[in-house]
């Protein structure tokens, strides 16, 4: 529904622009007022729908191996991610955590039939119960074997795994992994896409990280 309404809005603006030019060229003030009023009414309706759907949305926590689809402004939703495993450790190689390392294995996969696809400009961070955010520990990840980039292109029904690391306080409460993708223009469009996870005020889908195997260290 969100994509359809967005396309209707774009198409309507194009038609409205043409009619407005005609109104100015022919001097038909009534037509200009009609176009302006129609556009205003549509935008009020659209933003009420946008805010209403976002406010009524609910946060979801995905379990291990439960996939999350990435759609954005596009109709297809072939790219997915899922958390396969979570481990904790105090050390990784020569790197010691300030708190505790959370070592998260993420699977990226595609269910496309023909196209070669990939995620775009992936951002991953952890959010705790107090809404504090934690970024990846790149230095700790450097102690691991070489990892593919999240943006790696994969063919139909292909997949790969990537291990990422976070240094979290030992008393962290309810850590959840947030994975999102997209660059500037994508983020702007999706912010106004009704029902999209990245739209204004919309609740997000997080990956659960409470299930883990405790390790003394990772070499």
Protein backbone atom coordinates (compact mmCIF):
# COMPACT_ATOMS: atom_id res chain seq x y z
CA UNK A 1 0.00 0.00 0.00
CA UNK A 2 2.79 2.43 0.89
CA UNK A 3 4.52 2.13 -2.49
CA UNK A 4 1.19 2.49 -4.34
CA UNK A 5 0.27 5.65 -2.41
CA UNK A 6 3.74 7.08 -2.99
CA UNK A 7 3.45 6.43 -6.74
CA UNK A 8 -0.03 7.95 -6.76
CA UNK A 9 1.37 11.03 -5.01
CA UNK A 10 4.21 11.42 -7.50
CA UNK A 11 1.88 10.89 -10.47
CA UNK A 12 -0.67 13.29 -9.00
CA UNK A 13 1.95 15.99 -8.54
CA UNK A 14 2.99 15.65 -12.17
CA UNK A 15 -0.63 15.99 -13.35
CA UNK A 16 -1.20 18.89 -10.93
CA UNK A 17 1.89 20.70 -12.24
CA UNK A 18 0.66 20.35 -15.83
CA UNK A 19 -2.82 21.61 -14.92
CA UNK A 20 -1.36 24.51 -12.95
CA UNK A 21 0.75 25.60 -15.93
CA UNK A 22 -2.34 25.41 -18.14
CA UNK A 23 -4.28 27.50 -15.61
CA UNK A 24 -1.59 30.18 -15.57
CA UNK A 25 -1.27 30.17 -19.36
CA UNK A 26 -5.04 30.45 -19.96
CA UNK A 27 -5.72 32.74 -17.01
CA UNK A 28 -8.25 30.35 -15.47
CA UNK A 29 -8.04 31.24 -11.80
CA UNK A 30 -10.68 28.65 -10.85
CA UNK A 31 -8.54 25.86 -12.29
CA UNK A 32 -5.48 27.03 -10.35
CA UNK A 33 -7.52 27.12 -7.12
CA UNK A 34 -8.96 23.68 -7.85
CA UNK A 35 -5.48 22.20 -8.42
CA UNK A 36 -4.05 23.88 -5.31
CA UNK A 37 -6.99 22.70 -3.19
CA UNK A 38 -6.77 19.15 -4.51
CA UNK A 39 -3.05 18.92 -3.80
CA UNK A 40 -3.54 20.34 -0.29
CA UNK A 41 -6.30 17.85 0.53
CA UNK A 42 -4.23 14.92 -0.76
CA UNK A 43 -1.17 15.92 1.27
CA UNK A 44 -3.25 16.27 4.44
CA UNK A 45 -4.70 12.79 3.81
CA UNK A 46 -1.27 11.34 3.01
CA UNK A 47 0.45 12.72 6.12
CA UNK A 48 -2.41 11.65 8.36
CA UNK A 49 -2.04 8.14 6.93
CA UNK A 50 1.75 8.27 7.32
CA UNK A 51 1.68 9.35 10.97
CA UNK A 52 -1.30 7.17 11.86
CA UNK A 53 0.17 3.95 10.45
CA UNK A 54 3.54 4.67 12.11
CA UNK A 55 2.01 5.39 15.52
CA UNK A 56 -0.10 2.24 15.35
CA UNK A 57 2.88 0.09 14.31
CA UNK A 58 4.46 -2.23 16.88
CA UNK A 59 8.06 -3.10 17.60
CA UNK A 60 9.05 -6.68 16.79
CA UNK A 61 11.93 -8.73 18.12
CA UNK A 62 13.18 -11.44 15.76
CA UNK A 63 14.47 -14.71 17.18
CA UNK A 64 17.59 -16.56 16.04
CA UNK A 65 17.30 -17.64 12.37
CA UNK A 66 14.18 -15.51 11.90
CA UNK A 67 14.72 -13.44 8.73
CA UNK A 68 14.16 -9.77 8.12
CA UNK A 69 13.34 -8.62 4.58
CA UNK A 70 14.61 -5.40 3.03
CA UNK A 71 12.26 -3.70 0.58
CA UNK A 72 12.59 0.08 0.76
CA UNK A 73 10.98 2.02 -2.06
CA UNK A 74 11.15 -0.99 -4.36
CA UNK A 75 8.43 -3.56 -4.89
CA UNK A 76 10.67 -6.62 -4.52
CA UNK A 77 11.84 -7.77 -1.08
CA UNK A 78 14.37 -10.41 -2.06
CA UNK A 79 17.27 -9.50 0.26
CA UNK A 80 17.15 -10.80 3.83
CA UNK A 81 19.28 -10.97 6.95
CA UNK A 82 19.06 -13.26 9.98
CA UNK A 83 21.10 -13.69 13.14
CA UNK A 84 22.51 -17.22 13.15
CA UNK A 85 24.55 -17.21 16.35
CA UNK A 86 25.51 -15.00 19.29
CA UNK A 87 28.52 -15.58 21.51
CA UNK A 88 30.10 -13.54 24.29
CA UNK A 89 33.79 -13.28 25.16
CA UNK A 90 36.14 -11.13 27.19
CA UNK A 91 38.93 -11.27 24.64
CA UNK A 92 39.26 -11.64 20.89
CA UNK A 93 42.85 -12.32 19.89
CA UNK A 94 44.93 -9.57 21.55
CA UNK A 95 41.91 -7.29 22.06
CA UNK A 96 40.26 -7.13 25.51
CA UNK A 97 36.76 -5.79 25.95
CA UNK A 98 35.97 -2.86 28.19
CA UNK A 99 32.83 -4.77 29.11
CA UNK A 100 32.02 -7.90 27.15
CA UNK A 101 32.27 -8.70 23.47
CA UNK A 102 29.10 -9.77 21.72
CA UNK A 103 30.13 -11.76 18.64
CA UNK A 104 27.19 -11.91 16.24
CA UNK A 105 27.02 -14.09 13.13
CA UNK A 106 24.68 -12.56 10.54
CA UNK A 107 23.51 -14.42 7.46
CA UNK A 108 22.70 -12.40 4.34
CA UNK A 109 20.70 -14.22 1.69
CA UNK A 110 18.56 -13.66 -1.40
CA UNK A 111 15.46 -15.49 -2.53
CA UNK A 112 15.52 -13.91 -6.00
CA UNK A 113 14.96 -16.25 -8.92
CA UNK A 114 17.21 -14.57 -11.50
CA UNK A 115 18.69 -11.23 -10.39
CA UNK A 116 22.06 -10.65 -8.72
CA UNK A 117 21.38 -8.37 -5.76
CA UNK A 118 23.04 -6.88 -2.68
CA UNK A 119 22.28 -4.70 0.30
CA UNK A 120 23.14 -0.99 0.10
CA UNK A 121 25.17 1.00 2.66
CA UNK A 122 24.36 -1.23 5.64
CA UNK A 123 24.31 0.21 9.16
CA UNK A 124 24.36 -2.11 12.18
CA UNK A 125 24.19 -1.10 15.82
CA UNK A 126 22.83 -2.40 19.09
CA UNK A 127 20.05 -0.76 21.10
CA UNK A 128 19.47 -1.59 24.78
CA UNK A 129 16.38 -1.27 26.97
CA UNK A 130 17.22 2.38 27.69
CA UNK A 131 17.47 3.13 23.94
CA UNK A 132 21.24 3.64 24.19
CA UNK A 133 23.05 2.73 20.97
CA UNK A 134 26.35 0.88 20.57
CA UNK A 135 28.38 0.78 17.37
CA UNK A 136 30.50 -2.08 16.08
CA UNK A 137 34.02 -2.56 17.48
CA UNK A 138 36.01 -2.48 14.24
CA UNK A 139 39.34 -3.06 16.03
CA UNK A 140 37.98 -6.26 17.61
CA UNK A 141 36.60 -7.41 14.27
CA UNK A 142 40.07 -6.98 12.78
CA UNK A 143 41.20 -9.82 15.06
CA UNK A 144 38.83 -12.21 13.27
CA UNK A 145 39.40 -13.94 9.93
CA UNK A 146 38.62 -11.72 6.90
CA UNK A 147 34.89 -11.09 6.53
CA UNK A 148 32.82 -10.26 3.43
CA UNK A 149 31.22 -6.84 3.22
CA UNK A 150 27.49 -6.58 3.92
CA UNK A 151 27.10 -5.02 0.48
CA UNK A 152 28.49 -8.09 -1.31
CA UNK A 153 26.47 -8.94 -4.42
CA UNK A 154 24.97 -12.43 -4.46
CA UNK A 155 23.16 -14.43 -7.10
CA UNK A 156 19.78 -16.16 -6.97
CA UNK A 157 19.23 -18.09 -3.73
CA UNK A 158 22.84 -17.48 -2.62
CA UNK A 159 23.92 -16.50 0.89
CA UNK A 160 26.95 -15.64 3.00
CA UNK A 161 27.75 -15.11 6.68
CA UNK A 162 29.44 -12.14 8.29
CA UNK A 163 30.64 -11.92 11.91
CA UNK A 164 30.37 -8.54 13.63
CA UNK A 165 31.49 -7.56 17.14
CA UNK A 166 30.20 -5.15 19.77
CA UNK A 167 31.79 -4.16 23.09
CA UNK A 168 28.87 -3.88 25.52
CA UNK A 169 28.72 -3.15 29.27
CA UNK A 170 28.55 -6.29 31.36
CA UNK A 171 25.25 -5.10 32.85
CA UNK A 172 23.63 -4.20 29.53
CA UNK A 173 19.88 -4.79 29.59
CA UNK A 174 18.04 -6.36 26.65
CA UNK A 175 20.52 -5.70 23.83
CA UNK A 176 18.94 -5.92 20.37
CA UNK A 177 20.60 -5.69 16.98
CA UNK A 178 19.27 -3.16 14.48
CA UNK A 179 20.20 -3.65 10.81
CA UNK A 180 19.18 -1.06 8.24
CA UNK A 181 20.32 -0.19 4.75
CA UNK A 182 20.19 2.68 2.27
CA UNK A 183 22.01 5.90 1.51
CA UNK A 184 20.84 9.53 1.60
CA UNK A 185 18.07 9.62 -1.00
CA UNK A 186 16.81 6.16 0.01
CA UNK A 187 16.46 7.28 3.63
CA UNK A 188 14.59 10.44 2.60
CA UNK A 189 12.12 8.53 0.40
CA UNK A 190 11.55 5.78 2.95
CA UNK A 191 10.96 8.35 5.71
CA UNK A 192 7.75 9.28 3.87
CA UNK A 193 6.77 5.79 2.70
CA UNK A 194 3.65 4.65 4.56
CA UNK A 195 4.16 1.40 6.45
CA UNK A 196 7.90 1.19 5.80
CA UNK A 197 10.09 0.31 8.77
CA UNK A 198 12.21 3.42 8.14
CA UNK A 199 9.25 5.83 7.85
CA UNK A 200 8.77 8.63 10.39
CA UNK A 201 7.86 7.34 13.90
CA UNK A 202 7.49 3.75 12.64
CA UNK A 203 8.54 1.05 15.12
CA UNK A 204 11.52 -1.10 14.15
CA UNK A 205 12.26 -4.82 13.86
CA UNK A 206 15.20 -5.83 16.04
CA UNK A 207 17.17 -9.06 16.33
CA UNK A 208 17.24 -10.72 19.74
CA UNK A 209 20.74 -11.19 21.21
CA UNK A 210 20.01 -12.71 24.62
CA UNK A 211 20.69 -16.30 23.52
CA UNK A 212 24.43 -16.86 23.59
CA UNK A 213 27.28 -19.21 24.46
CA UNK A 214 29.75 -17.76 26.93
CA UNK A 215 33.43 -18.17 25.99
CA UNK A 216 36.56 -17.22 27.87
CA UNK A 217 38.11 -15.85 24.71
CA UNK A 218 38.14 -16.09 20.94
CA UNK A 219 41.40 -16.67 19.10
